[in-house]
Amino acid sequence: MRSPKLVIFDCDGVLVDTEPLANRRLSSWLSEAGYEVSYEQCRRQFVGRSLVSVQKEVEAAGISLGPDFVERWYRELPSLFGSGVQAIPHIETFIRAVKAAGIGYCVASSARVDKMHMTLGQTGLLAHFRDVLFSATMVERGKPFPDLFLHAAGKMGVDPADCIVIEDSVAGAQAGAAAGMRVFAYHGDPHADRDGLAAAGANLFDDMRTLAGLVPIR
C-alpha cells in the first residue's frame, strides 16, 4: 500500500472524545421533543452527521425541533464541554508521525469550525490543525455524501486517490469511500458500529498506536 499525500481526520471520536457527552445530550433533547431515542440508538443513527441533517430526519418523522434547534445546540456547547474533553488515546503520536513524514493533513468534520476550536483547544491539539479545519457548513451536503472530503482535498491540492480518511462513524466511512479515498475506521469506542464500518469498506483498527503501520507512514 502506497503512502498517502494527505491524511484527513474526522474530529469527534477520532481526535477528541466528545461523542458520549454529545449523544447523551442529543438523545435527551430529541426525546423531550417527542422523538424517543435512546443514547445507544442515537449513537447508531446520528453519529458523524451534521445537526442540520439530524433535524431534517427528525422533522420528516413529524416532530418539530424548532427553527433555532441548531443555534440552541451550539449555544449550549460551552456548558456541555465546560468540564473539559480528552484527546483520543495516542492520537497525537500518529499526528506527529504524519508530520515527521512530511505528509499533508487536515480535519474534515460535520461540526462547525468554532466547535472544533473549542474541543481541539481543550486537548492541546488545535496547534496542529488551526489553519486546516474544514466543516460541513462549507459544502452543500454533509456526510455520508462525499462533498466535505472532496472539498478538503481540493483546498489542500491533493487528488482524492492520494488521500486517506480517518473516521469512526459509518456516515463518515461512507463519505470517504464515496470520495474515492482509502478509509481507516477507529472502533476503540465500545459503542462503535464495527459491522457498519466494515460494510462501508473501511479498514478497521481499535488502537491509534497501530495506525502508522497500517497506512503506512514513511
N, C-alpha and C. Protein backbone atom coordinates (compact mmCIF):
# COMPACT_ATOMS: atom_id res chain seq x y z
N MET A 1 0.85 -1.20 0.00
CA MET A 1 0.00 0.00 0.00
C MET A 1 0.88 1.24 0.00
N ARG A 2 0.62 2.16 -0.92
CA ARG A 2 1.44 3.37 -1.00
C ARG A 2 1.11 4.35 0.12
N SER A 3 2.06 5.19 0.41
CA SER A 3 1.84 6.22 1.42
C SER A 3 0.90 7.28 0.87
N PRO A 4 0.08 7.87 1.71
CA PRO A 4 -0.82 8.94 1.24
C PRO A 4 -0.08 10.25 1.10
N LYS A 5 -0.68 11.17 0.36
CA LYS A 5 -0.17 12.54 0.29
C LYS A 5 -0.93 13.46 1.25
N LEU A 6 -2.10 12.98 1.68
CA LEU A 6 -2.93 13.77 2.61
C LEU A 6 -3.69 12.83 3.53
N VAL A 7 -3.64 13.13 4.82
CA VAL A 7 -4.43 12.42 5.82
C VAL A 7 -5.54 13.36 6.29
N ILE A 8 -6.78 12.93 6.11
CA ILE A 8 -7.93 13.74 6.52
C ILE A 8 -8.53 13.11 7.77
N PHE A 9 -8.50 13.85 8.87
CA PHE A 9 -9.02 13.38 10.14
C PHE A 9 -10.46 13.85 10.34
N ASP A 10 -11.33 12.97 10.78
CA ASP A 10 -12.57 13.42 11.41
C ASP A 10 -12.17 14.02 12.75
N CYS A 11 -13.06 14.74 13.39
CA CYS A 11 -12.72 15.37 14.68
C CYS A 11 -13.29 14.57 15.85
N ASP A 12 -14.60 14.61 16.03
CA ASP A 12 -15.22 13.97 17.19
C ASP A 12 -15.14 12.45 17.07
N GLY A 13 -14.54 11.84 18.07
CA GLY A 13 -14.39 10.38 18.08
C GLY A 13 -13.10 9.89 17.47
N VAL A 14 -12.39 10.78 16.77
CA VAL A 14 -11.09 10.43 16.18
C VAL A 14 -9.97 11.24 16.85
N LEU A 15 -10.18 12.53 16.97
CA LEU A 15 -9.21 13.39 17.65
C LEU A 15 -9.60 13.64 19.10
N VAL A 16 -10.88 13.89 19.33
CA VAL A 16 -11.34 14.22 20.69
C VAL A 16 -12.50 13.31 21.09
N ASP A 17 -12.55 13.00 22.37
CA ASP A 17 -13.55 12.06 22.89
C ASP A 17 -14.79 12.82 23.36
N THR A 18 -15.59 13.28 22.40
CA THR A 18 -16.78 14.07 22.70
C THR A 18 -18.08 13.32 22.49
N GLU A 19 -18.04 12.18 21.81
CA GLU A 19 -19.27 11.50 21.40
C GLU A 19 -20.17 11.11 22.59
N PRO A 20 -19.65 10.57 23.69
CA PRO A 20 -20.55 10.21 24.79
C PRO A 20 -21.35 11.40 25.33
N LEU A 21 -20.68 12.51 25.62
CA LEU A 21 -21.37 13.69 26.14
C LEU A 21 -22.38 14.22 25.14
N ALA A 22 -21.96 14.37 23.89
CA ALA A 22 -22.82 14.97 22.88
C ALA A 22 -24.05 14.11 22.61
N ASN A 23 -23.88 12.80 22.53
CA ASN A 23 -25.02 11.95 22.19
C ASN A 23 -25.97 11.74 23.36
N ARG A 24 -25.48 11.82 24.58
CA ARG A 24 -26.41 11.79 25.73
C ARG A 24 -27.28 13.05 25.72
N ARG A 25 -26.66 14.18 25.44
CA ARG A 25 -27.42 15.43 25.36
C ARG A 25 -28.40 15.39 24.19
N LEU A 26 -27.96 14.91 23.04
CA LEU A 26 -28.82 14.88 21.86
C LEU A 26 -30.00 13.94 22.07
N SER A 27 -29.77 12.76 22.63
CA SER A 27 -30.88 11.83 22.86
C SER A 27 -31.89 12.43 23.83
N SER A 28 -31.40 13.18 24.82
CA SER A 28 -32.29 13.83 25.78
C SER A 28 -33.13 14.90 25.09
N TRP A 29 -32.51 15.73 24.29
CA TRP A 29 -33.22 16.80 23.58
C TRP A 29 -34.27 16.23 22.64
N LEU A 30 -33.90 15.22 21.87
CA LEU A 30 -34.84 14.66 20.90
C LEU A 30 -36.00 13.97 21.60
N SER A 31 -35.71 13.25 22.67
CA SER A 31 -36.78 12.57 23.40
C SER A 31 -37.74 13.57 24.02
N GLU A 32 -37.21 14.65 24.56
CA GLU A 32 -38.06 15.69 25.15
C GLU A 32 -38.97 16.32 24.10
N ALA A 33 -38.49 16.38 22.87
CA ALA A 33 -39.28 16.96 21.78
C ALA A 33 -40.33 16.00 21.24
N GLY A 34 -40.26 14.72 21.67
CA GLY A 34 -41.24 13.74 21.22
C GLY A 34 -40.69 12.69 20.28
N TYR A 35 -39.39 12.78 19.98
CA TYR A 35 -38.74 11.78 19.12
C TYR A 35 -37.95 10.86 20.04
N GLU A 36 -38.59 9.80 20.51
CA GLU A 36 -37.98 8.91 21.50
C GLU A 36 -36.79 8.17 20.91
N VAL A 37 -35.62 8.42 21.47
CA VAL A 37 -34.41 7.75 21.01
C VAL A 37 -33.45 7.61 22.19
N SER A 38 -32.96 6.42 22.40
CA SER A 38 -32.03 6.17 23.49
C SER A 38 -30.64 6.66 23.12
N TYR A 39 -29.78 6.72 24.11
CA TYR A 39 -28.39 7.10 23.86
C TYR A 39 -27.75 6.14 22.85
N GLU A 40 -27.99 4.84 23.05
CA GLU A 40 -27.40 3.84 22.15
C GLU A 40 -27.93 3.99 20.73
N GLN A 41 -29.24 4.22 20.60
CA GLN A 41 -29.83 4.42 19.27
C GLN A 41 -29.29 5.69 18.62
N CYS A 42 -29.11 6.71 19.43
CA CYS A 42 -28.59 7.98 18.92
C CYS A 42 -27.18 7.79 18.36
N ARG A 43 -26.37 7.01 19.07
CA ARG A 43 -25.01 6.74 18.60
C ARG A 43 -25.03 6.04 17.24
N ARG A 44 -25.95 5.10 17.08
CA ARG A 44 -26.01 4.34 15.82
C ARG A 44 -26.60 5.17 14.68
N GLN A 45 -27.59 5.98 15.00
CA GLN A 45 -28.37 6.64 13.96
C GLN A 45 -27.76 7.96 13.50
N PHE A 46 -27.16 8.70 14.42
CA PHE A 46 -26.79 10.07 14.09
C PHE A 46 -25.30 10.40 14.19
N VAL A 47 -24.49 9.51 14.73
CA VAL A 47 -23.08 9.85 14.92
C VAL A 47 -22.42 10.14 13.57
N GLY A 48 -21.61 11.18 13.56
CA GLY A 48 -20.88 11.56 12.35
C GLY A 48 -21.64 12.48 11.42
N ARG A 49 -22.89 12.76 11.72
CA ARG A 49 -23.71 13.57 10.82
C ARG A 49 -23.87 14.99 11.35
N SER A 50 -24.19 15.91 10.45
CA SER A 50 -24.40 17.29 10.85
C SER A 50 -25.74 17.43 11.57
N LEU A 51 -25.86 18.44 12.41
CA LEU A 51 -27.11 18.68 13.10
C LEU A 51 -28.23 19.06 12.14
N VAL A 52 -27.87 19.71 11.04
CA VAL A 52 -28.88 20.05 10.04
C VAL A 52 -29.52 18.78 9.49
N SER A 53 -28.72 17.77 9.18
CA SER A 53 -29.28 16.52 8.65
C SER A 53 -30.07 15.77 9.70
N VAL A 54 -29.62 15.85 10.97
CA VAL A 54 -30.37 15.23 12.06
C VAL A 54 -31.75 15.87 12.17
N GLN A 55 -31.79 17.20 12.14
CA GLN A 55 -33.05 17.91 12.25
C GLN A 55 -33.99 17.56 11.10
N LYS A 56 -33.45 17.47 9.89
CA LYS A 56 -34.27 17.13 8.73
C LYS A 56 -34.90 15.75 8.90
N GLU A 57 -34.12 14.79 9.38
CA GLU A 57 -34.64 13.44 9.54
C GLU A 57 -35.72 13.38 10.61
N VAL A 58 -35.47 14.04 11.73
CA VAL A 58 -36.45 14.03 12.82
C VAL A 58 -37.73 14.74 12.40
N GLU A 59 -37.61 15.86 11.72
CA GLU A 59 -38.80 16.60 11.33
C GLU A 59 -39.56 15.91 10.20
N ALA A 60 -38.86 15.09 9.41
CA ALA A 60 -39.54 14.29 8.40
C ALA A 60 -40.45 13.24 9.04
N ALA A 61 -40.16 12.91 10.30
CA ALA A 61 -40.99 11.97 11.05
C ALA A 61 -42.14 12.68 11.77
N GLY A 62 -42.28 13.99 11.53
CA GLY A 62 -43.40 14.74 12.10
C GLY A 62 -43.12 15.40 13.43
N ILE A 63 -41.87 15.45 13.86
CA ILE A 63 -41.50 16.06 15.14
C ILE A 63 -40.79 17.38 14.88
N SER A 64 -41.33 18.48 15.38
CA SER A 64 -40.71 19.78 15.19
C SER A 64 -39.67 20.04 16.27
N LEU A 65 -38.47 20.43 15.85
CA LEU A 65 -37.41 20.77 16.80
C LEU A 65 -37.25 22.28 16.93
N GLY A 66 -38.01 23.04 16.16
CA GLY A 66 -37.95 24.49 16.23
C GLY A 66 -36.89 25.05 15.29
N PRO A 67 -37.13 26.26 14.77
CA PRO A 67 -36.21 26.86 13.80
C PRO A 67 -34.83 27.18 14.36
N ASP A 68 -34.71 27.25 15.70
CA ASP A 68 -33.43 27.61 16.31
C ASP A 68 -32.72 26.40 16.92
N PHE A 69 -33.12 25.18 16.53
CA PHE A 69 -32.55 23.97 17.13
C PHE A 69 -31.01 23.96 17.04
N VAL A 70 -30.49 24.19 15.85
CA VAL A 70 -29.04 24.12 15.67
C VAL A 70 -28.35 25.22 16.47
N GLU A 71 -28.90 26.43 16.44
CA GLU A 71 -28.28 27.53 17.17
C GLU A 71 -28.33 27.29 18.68
N ARG A 72 -29.44 26.74 19.17
CA ARG A 72 -29.52 26.42 20.61
C ARG A 72 -28.46 25.40 20.99
N TRP A 73 -28.26 24.42 20.12
CA TRP A 73 -27.27 23.38 20.39
C TRP A 73 -25.88 24.01 20.55
N TYR A 74 -25.51 24.86 19.62
CA TYR A 74 -24.17 25.44 19.69
C TYR A 74 -24.03 26.42 20.84
N ARG A 75 -25.12 27.08 21.23
CA ARG A 75 -25.05 27.96 22.40
C ARG A 75 -24.77 27.18 23.67
N GLU A 76 -25.25 25.93 23.72
CA GLU A 76 -25.10 25.12 24.93
C GLU A 76 -23.76 24.40 25.00
N LEU A 77 -23.00 24.39 23.93
CA LEU A 77 -21.75 23.61 23.92
C LEU A 77 -20.75 24.01 24.99
N PRO A 78 -20.56 25.31 25.26
CA PRO A 78 -19.59 25.64 26.32
C PRO A 78 -19.93 24.99 27.66
N SER A 79 -21.21 24.93 28.00
CA SER A 79 -21.58 24.29 29.26
C SER A 79 -21.45 22.77 29.16
N LEU A 80 -21.76 22.21 27.99
CA LEU A 80 -21.67 20.77 27.81
C LEU A 80 -20.23 20.30 27.95
N PHE A 81 -19.31 21.02 27.35
CA PHE A 81 -17.90 20.62 27.39
C PHE A 81 -17.10 21.43 28.40
N GLY A 82 -17.81 22.11 29.29
CA GLY A 82 -17.15 23.00 30.23
C GLY A 82 -16.17 22.32 31.16
N SER A 83 -16.42 21.07 31.48
CA SER A 83 -15.52 20.35 32.39
C SER A 83 -14.32 19.77 31.65
N GLY A 84 -14.27 20.01 30.35
CA GLY A 84 -13.12 19.57 29.56
C GLY A 84 -13.37 18.27 28.82
N VAL A 85 -12.70 18.11 27.72
CA VAL A 85 -12.76 16.86 26.95
C VAL A 85 -11.34 16.35 26.80
N GLN A 86 -11.22 15.06 26.51
CA GLN A 86 -9.92 14.42 26.39
C GLN A 86 -9.63 14.10 24.93
N ALA A 87 -8.35 14.07 24.59
CA ALA A 87 -7.94 13.59 23.28
C ALA A 87 -8.11 12.08 23.23
N ILE A 88 -8.38 11.54 22.05
CA ILE A 88 -8.42 10.09 21.89
C ILE A 88 -7.02 9.55 22.22
N PRO A 89 -6.94 8.48 23.00
CA PRO A 89 -5.62 7.97 23.42
C PRO A 89 -4.69 7.71 22.24
N HIS A 90 -3.48 8.25 22.36
CA HIS A 90 -2.37 8.03 21.42
C HIS A 90 -2.55 8.68 20.05
N ILE A 91 -3.59 9.49 19.87
CA ILE A 91 -3.79 10.11 18.56
C ILE A 91 -2.66 11.08 18.23
N GLU A 92 -2.13 11.75 19.23
CA GLU A 92 -1.07 12.72 18.92
C GLU A 92 0.20 12.02 18.44
N THR A 93 0.43 10.79 18.87
CA THR A 93 1.58 10.03 18.38
C THR A 93 1.48 9.85 16.87
N PHE A 94 0.27 9.54 16.38
CA PHE A 94 0.08 9.37 14.95
C PHE A 94 0.19 10.70 14.21
N ILE A 95 -0.38 11.76 14.78
CA ILE A 95 -0.27 13.08 14.15
C ILE A 95 1.19 13.47 13.97
N ARG A 96 1.99 13.24 15.01
CA ARG A 96 3.41 13.60 14.93
C ARG A 96 4.14 12.75 13.89
N ALA A 97 3.73 11.49 13.74
CA ALA A 97 4.34 10.62 12.72
C ALA A 97 4.02 11.13 11.32
N VAL A 98 2.78 11.57 11.13
CA VAL A 98 2.38 12.14 9.83
C VAL A 98 3.19 13.38 9.52
N LYS A 99 3.33 14.25 10.51
CA LYS A 99 4.09 15.49 10.31
C LYS A 99 5.56 15.19 10.03
N ALA A 100 6.12 14.25 10.77
CA ALA A 100 7.54 13.91 10.60
C ALA A 100 7.81 13.33 9.21
N ALA A 101 6.81 12.65 8.64
CA ALA A 101 6.97 12.06 7.31
C ALA A 101 6.75 13.08 6.19
N GLY A 102 6.36 14.30 6.56
CA GLY A 102 6.14 15.34 5.56
C GLY A 102 4.85 15.18 4.78
N ILE A 103 3.89 14.45 5.36
CA ILE A 103 2.61 14.20 4.70
C ILE A 103 1.62 15.29 5.12
N GLY A 104 0.81 15.76 4.18
CA GLY A 104 -0.20 16.77 4.48
C GLY A 104 -1.29 16.20 5.36
N TYR A 105 -1.96 17.07 6.08
CA TYR A 105 -3.03 16.62 6.98
C TYR A 105 -4.02 17.77 7.20
N CYS A 106 -5.25 17.40 7.54
CA CYS A 106 -6.28 18.39 7.84
C CYS A 106 -7.42 17.69 8.58
N VAL A 107 -8.42 18.46 8.97
CA VAL A 107 -9.61 17.94 9.64
C VAL A 107 -10.82 18.24 8.76
N ALA A 108 -11.71 17.26 8.62
CA ALA A 108 -12.98 17.46 7.91
C ALA A 108 -14.08 16.90 8.78
N SER A 109 -14.85 17.77 9.39
CA SER A 109 -15.82 17.38 10.41
C SER A 109 -17.22 17.90 10.09
N SER A 110 -18.22 17.19 10.58
CA SER A 110 -19.60 17.66 10.46
C SER A 110 -19.85 18.87 11.35
N ALA A 111 -18.99 19.08 12.34
CA ALA A 111 -19.16 20.18 13.28
C ALA A 111 -18.71 21.51 12.69
N ARG A 112 -19.18 22.58 13.29
CA ARG A 112 -18.74 23.91 12.92
C ARG A 112 -17.29 24.13 13.32
N VAL A 113 -16.65 25.08 12.67
CA VAL A 113 -15.26 25.37 12.98
C VAL A 113 -15.11 25.87 14.41
N ASP A 114 -16.05 26.69 14.89
CA ASP A 114 -15.90 27.20 16.25
C ASP A 114 -15.99 26.09 17.29
N LYS A 115 -16.79 25.05 17.01
CA LYS A 115 -16.83 23.91 17.92
C LYS A 115 -15.49 23.18 17.90
N MET A 116 -14.90 23.01 16.72
CA MET A 116 -13.60 22.35 16.65
C MET A 116 -12.54 23.14 17.40
N HIS A 117 -12.60 24.46 17.30
CA HIS A 117 -11.68 25.30 18.07
C HIS A 117 -11.83 25.04 19.56
N MET A 118 -13.06 24.88 20.01
CA MET A 118 -13.32 24.66 21.42
C MET A 118 -12.76 23.32 21.90
N THR A 119 -13.11 22.25 21.21
CA THR A 119 -12.72 20.92 21.68
C THR A 119 -11.24 20.63 21.43
N LEU A 120 -10.74 20.98 20.25
CA LEU A 120 -9.32 20.78 19.99
C LEU A 120 -8.47 21.67 20.88
N GLY A 121 -8.98 22.86 21.17
CA GLY A 121 -8.25 23.76 22.06
C GLY A 121 -8.12 23.21 23.46
N GLN A 122 -9.16 22.54 23.95
CA GLN A 122 -9.12 21.98 25.29
C GLN A 122 -8.15 20.81 25.41
N THR A 123 -7.87 20.15 24.30
CA THR A 123 -6.99 18.98 24.35
C THR A 123 -5.56 19.29 23.94
N GLY A 124 -5.31 20.53 23.51
CA GLY A 124 -3.97 20.89 23.06
C GLY A 124 -3.68 20.50 21.63
N LEU A 125 -4.68 19.98 20.91
CA LEU A 125 -4.47 19.54 19.53
C LEU A 125 -4.67 20.64 18.50
N LEU A 126 -5.26 21.75 18.91
CA LEU A 126 -5.58 22.80 17.95
C LEU A 126 -4.34 23.34 17.25
N ALA A 127 -3.22 23.36 17.94
CA ALA A 127 -1.98 23.88 17.35
C ALA A 127 -1.60 23.13 16.07
N HIS A 128 -1.98 21.86 15.98
CA HIS A 128 -1.66 21.07 14.80
C HIS A 128 -2.56 21.43 13.61
N PHE A 129 -3.79 21.90 13.89
CA PHE A 129 -4.81 21.98 12.85
C PHE A 129 -5.41 23.36 12.63
N ARG A 130 -4.94 24.35 13.31
CA ARG A 130 -5.61 25.65 13.34
C ARG A 130 -5.99 26.17 11.95
N ASP A 131 -5.13 25.99 10.97
CA ASP A 131 -5.36 26.56 9.64
C ASP A 131 -5.89 25.56 8.62
N VAL A 132 -6.20 24.34 9.07
CA VAL A 132 -6.64 23.30 8.12
C VAL A 132 -7.89 22.60 8.66
N LEU A 133 -8.88 23.39 9.05
CA LEU A 133 -10.13 22.87 9.57
C LEU A 133 -11.24 23.08 8.53
N PHE A 134 -11.89 21.99 8.12
CA PHE A 134 -12.96 22.07 7.14
C PHE A 134 -14.24 21.51 7.77
N SER A 135 -15.34 22.23 7.57
CA SER A 135 -16.62 21.91 8.20
C SER A 135 -17.68 21.61 7.15
N ALA A 136 -18.66 20.80 7.56
CA ALA A 136 -19.79 20.51 6.67
C ALA A 136 -20.57 21.76 6.32
N THR A 137 -20.40 22.83 7.09
CA THR A 137 -21.07 24.09 6.76
C THR A 137 -20.50 24.70 5.48
N MET A 138 -19.37 24.21 5.01
CA MET A 138 -18.72 24.75 3.83
C MET A 138 -19.20 24.09 2.53
N VAL A 139 -20.01 23.06 2.64
CA VAL A 139 -20.47 22.32 1.45
C VAL A 139 -21.99 22.17 1.48
N GLU A 140 -22.53 21.75 0.36
CA GLU A 140 -23.99 21.62 0.26
C GLU A 140 -24.51 20.42 1.03
N ARG A 141 -23.78 19.30 0.95
CA ARG A 141 -24.23 18.07 1.58
C ARG A 141 -23.15 17.54 2.52
N GLY A 142 -23.58 17.18 3.72
CA GLY A 142 -22.64 16.61 4.68
C GLY A 142 -22.51 15.11 4.51
N LYS A 143 -21.76 14.50 5.41
CA LYS A 143 -21.61 13.04 5.42
C LYS A 143 -23.00 12.41 5.58
N PRO A 144 -23.31 11.34 4.87
CA PRO A 144 -22.45 10.36 4.19
C PRO A 144 -22.11 10.71 2.74
N PHE A 145 -22.47 11.90 2.26
CA PHE A 145 -22.08 12.31 0.92
C PHE A 145 -20.60 12.69 0.90
N PRO A 146 -19.96 12.62 -0.25
CA PRO A 146 -18.51 12.84 -0.30
C PRO A 146 -18.08 14.30 -0.34
N ASP A 147 -19.02 15.22 -0.39
CA ASP A 147 -18.73 16.62 -0.66
C ASP A 147 -17.64 17.21 0.25
N LEU A 148 -17.74 16.94 1.56
CA LEU A 148 -16.81 17.56 2.50
C LEU A 148 -15.39 17.05 2.28
N PHE A 149 -15.22 15.76 2.09
CA PHE A 149 -13.88 15.23 1.87
C PHE A 149 -13.29 15.71 0.55
N LEU A 150 -14.12 15.81 -0.47
CA LEU A 150 -13.65 16.32 -1.76
C LEU A 150 -13.27 17.79 -1.65
N HIS A 151 -14.04 18.54 -0.88
CA HIS A 151 -13.73 19.95 -0.64
C HIS A 151 -12.38 20.09 0.06
N ALA A 152 -12.17 19.29 1.10
CA ALA A 152 -10.92 19.36 1.84
C ALA A 152 -9.73 19.00 0.95
N ALA A 153 -9.87 17.93 0.18
CA ALA A 153 -8.78 17.52 -0.72
C ALA A 153 -8.49 18.60 -1.74
N GLY A 154 -9.55 19.21 -2.28
CA GLY A 154 -9.36 20.27 -3.25
C GLY A 154 -8.63 21.46 -2.66
N LYS A 155 -9.02 21.87 -1.47
CA LYS A 155 -8.38 23.01 -0.83
C LYS A 155 -6.92 22.71 -0.49
N MET A 156 -6.62 21.44 -0.19
CA MET A 156 -5.26 21.05 0.15
C MET A 156 -4.44 20.72 -1.10
N GLY A 157 -5.10 20.69 -2.27
CA GLY A 157 -4.40 20.47 -3.52
C GLY A 157 -3.94 19.04 -3.75
N VAL A 158 -4.73 18.07 -3.27
CA VAL A 158 -4.36 16.66 -3.38
C VAL A 158 -5.48 15.90 -4.06
N ASP A 159 -5.11 15.00 -4.97
CA ASP A 159 -6.09 14.15 -5.64
C ASP A 159 -6.73 13.21 -4.63
N PRO A 160 -8.06 12.98 -4.72
CA PRO A 160 -8.72 12.08 -3.76
C PRO A 160 -8.07 10.70 -3.66
N ALA A 161 -7.55 10.18 -4.75
CA ALA A 161 -6.92 8.85 -4.73
C ALA A 161 -5.67 8.82 -3.87
N ASP A 162 -5.10 9.99 -3.58
CA ASP A 162 -3.89 10.07 -2.76
C ASP A 162 -4.19 10.46 -1.32
N CYS A 163 -5.48 10.43 -0.96
CA CYS A 163 -5.90 10.78 0.40
C CYS A 163 -6.32 9.54 1.18
N ILE A 164 -6.13 9.60 2.47
CA ILE A 164 -6.78 8.63 3.36
C ILE A 164 -7.63 9.39 4.35
N VAL A 165 -8.66 8.74 4.82
CA VAL A 165 -9.60 9.32 5.78
C VAL A 165 -9.54 8.50 7.06
N ILE A 166 -9.46 9.19 8.20
CA ILE A 166 -9.52 8.52 9.50
C ILE A 166 -10.87 8.86 10.09
N GLU A 167 -11.72 7.87 10.26
CA GLU A 167 -13.10 8.07 10.70
C GLU A 167 -13.46 7.15 11.86
N ASP A 168 -14.61 7.41 12.45
CA ASP A 168 -15.14 6.49 13.46
C ASP A 168 -16.62 6.24 13.25
N SER A 169 -17.25 6.92 12.31
CA SER A 169 -18.68 6.77 12.08
C SER A 169 -18.96 6.11 10.74
N VAL A 170 -20.09 5.44 10.66
CA VAL A 170 -20.48 4.81 9.40
C VAL A 170 -20.71 5.88 8.33
N ALA A 171 -21.38 6.97 8.70
CA ALA A 171 -21.62 8.04 7.74
C ALA A 171 -20.31 8.60 7.20
N GLY A 172 -19.32 8.76 8.07
CA GLY A 172 -18.04 9.26 7.64
C GLY A 172 -17.29 8.28 6.76
N ALA A 173 -17.36 7.00 7.11
CA ALA A 173 -16.71 5.97 6.30
C ALA A 173 -17.35 5.90 4.92
N GLN A 174 -18.67 6.01 4.87
CA GLN A 174 -19.36 6.01 3.58
C GLN A 174 -18.97 7.21 2.75
N ALA A 175 -18.83 8.36 3.40
CA ALA A 175 -18.45 9.58 2.69
C ALA A 175 -17.04 9.46 2.11
N GLY A 176 -16.11 8.91 2.90
CA GLY A 176 -14.75 8.74 2.42
C GLY A 176 -14.68 7.80 1.24
N ALA A 177 -15.41 6.68 1.34
CA ALA A 177 -15.43 5.72 0.25
C ALA A 177 -16.03 6.34 -1.01
N ALA A 178 -17.12 7.10 -0.84
CA ALA A 178 -17.77 7.75 -1.98
C ALA A 178 -16.86 8.78 -2.64
N ALA A 179 -15.92 9.34 -1.85
CA ALA A 179 -14.98 10.32 -2.39
C ALA A 179 -13.81 9.65 -3.11
N GLY A 180 -13.76 8.32 -3.08
CA GLY A 180 -12.67 7.61 -3.72
C GLY A 180 -11.40 7.57 -2.90
N MET A 181 -11.55 7.68 -1.59
CA MET A 181 -10.40 7.70 -0.68
C MET A 181 -10.33 6.40 0.11
N ARG A 182 -9.15 6.05 0.55
CA ARG A 182 -9.00 4.91 1.45
C ARG A 182 -9.44 5.34 2.85
N VAL A 183 -10.22 4.48 3.49
CA VAL A 183 -10.80 4.83 4.79
C VAL A 183 -10.28 3.88 5.86
N PHE A 184 -9.84 4.46 6.97
CA PHE A 184 -9.43 3.70 8.14
C PHE A 184 -10.37 4.10 9.28
N ALA A 185 -11.03 3.12 9.86
CA ALA A 185 -12.09 3.39 10.83
C ALA A 185 -11.69 2.91 12.22
N TYR A 186 -11.69 3.83 13.15
CA TYR A 186 -11.35 3.56 14.55
C TYR A 186 -12.60 3.08 15.28
N HIS A 187 -12.50 1.92 15.92
CA HIS A 187 -13.64 1.40 16.67
C HIS A 187 -13.24 1.08 18.11
N GLY A 188 -12.40 1.93 18.68
CA GLY A 188 -11.99 1.74 20.07
C GLY A 188 -13.10 2.02 21.06
N ASP A 189 -14.09 2.82 20.65
CA ASP A 189 -15.25 3.10 21.50
C ASP A 189 -16.16 1.87 21.51
N PRO A 190 -16.61 1.43 22.68
CA PRO A 190 -17.46 0.24 22.74
C PRO A 190 -18.79 0.39 22.01
N HIS A 191 -19.20 1.63 21.74
CA HIS A 191 -20.45 1.86 21.02
C HIS A 191 -20.25 2.00 19.51
N ALA A 192 -19.03 1.86 19.04
CA ALA A 192 -18.76 1.97 17.60
C ALA A 192 -19.50 0.86 16.85
N ASP A 193 -19.99 1.20 15.68
CA ASP A 193 -20.72 0.24 14.84
C ASP A 193 -19.69 -0.49 13.96
N ARG A 194 -19.06 -1.49 14.53
CA ARG A 194 -17.99 -2.20 13.83
C ARG A 194 -18.49 -2.84 12.53
N ASP A 195 -19.65 -3.46 12.59
CA ASP A 195 -20.19 -4.12 11.40
C ASP A 195 -20.52 -3.10 10.32
N GLY A 196 -21.10 -1.97 10.73
CA GLY A 196 -21.43 -0.93 9.76
C GLY A 196 -20.19 -0.33 9.12
N LEU A 197 -19.13 -0.17 9.91
CA LEU A 197 -17.88 0.37 9.38
C LEU A 197 -17.27 -0.59 8.37
N ALA A 198 -17.32 -1.87 8.71
CA ALA A 198 -16.78 -2.88 7.78
C ALA A 198 -17.59 -2.92 6.49
N ALA A 199 -18.92 -2.82 6.62
CA ALA A 199 -19.78 -2.84 5.44
C ALA A 199 -19.53 -1.65 4.54
N ALA A 200 -19.06 -0.54 5.12
CA ALA A 200 -18.75 0.66 4.34
C ALA A 200 -17.40 0.53 3.61
N GLY A 201 -16.70 -0.57 3.87
CA GLY A 201 -15.43 -0.81 3.18
C GLY A 201 -14.21 -0.26 3.87
N ALA A 202 -14.37 0.12 5.16
CA ALA A 202 -13.25 0.71 5.89
C ALA A 202 -12.28 -0.36 6.39
N ASN A 203 -11.03 0.03 6.55
CA ASN A 203 -10.02 -0.79 7.22
C ASN A 203 -10.15 -0.53 8.71
N LEU A 204 -10.43 -1.54 9.50
CA LEU A 204 -10.74 -1.36 10.91
C LEU A 204 -9.50 -1.44 11.79
N PHE A 205 -9.50 -0.64 12.85
CA PHE A 205 -8.45 -0.72 13.87
C PHE A 205 -9.02 -0.19 15.17
N ASP A 206 -8.46 -0.61 16.30
CA ASP A 206 -9.02 -0.18 17.58
C ASP A 206 -7.98 0.44 18.51
N ASP A 207 -6.80 0.76 17.99
CA ASP A 207 -5.74 1.35 18.80
C ASP A 207 -4.95 2.30 17.90
N MET A 208 -4.90 3.57 18.27
CA MET A 208 -4.21 4.55 17.44
C MET A 208 -2.72 4.24 17.28
N ARG A 209 -2.16 3.48 18.20
CA ARG A 209 -0.73 3.15 18.11
C ARG A 209 -0.43 2.23 16.93
N THR A 210 -1.44 1.54 16.42
CA THR A 210 -1.22 0.63 15.30
C THR A 210 -1.43 1.29 13.94
N LEU A 211 -1.94 2.51 13.94
CA LEU A 211 -2.38 3.12 12.69
C LEU A 211 -1.24 3.43 11.73
N ALA A 212 -0.11 3.90 12.26
CA ALA A 212 1.01 4.25 11.39
C ALA A 212 1.50 3.05 10.61
N GLY A 213 1.37 1.84 11.18
CA GLY A 213 1.79 0.64 10.48
C GLY A 213 0.78 0.17 9.45
N LEU A 214 -0.45 0.59 9.60
CA LEU A 214 -1.50 0.19 8.66
C LEU A 214 -1.54 1.08 7.42
N VAL A 215 -1.16 2.35 7.57
CA VAL A 215 -1.44 3.31 6.50
C VAL A 215 -0.69 3.06 5.19
N PRO A 216 0.63 2.95 5.14
CA PRO A 216 1.65 3.23 6.14
C PRO A 216 2.17 4.66 6.02
N ILE A 217 2.88 5.10 7.07
CA ILE A 217 3.52 6.41 7.08
C ILE A 217 5.01 6.19 6.90
N ARG A 218 5.56 6.73 5.83
CA ARG A 218 7.02 6.59 5.64
C ARG A 218 7.53 7.71 4.73
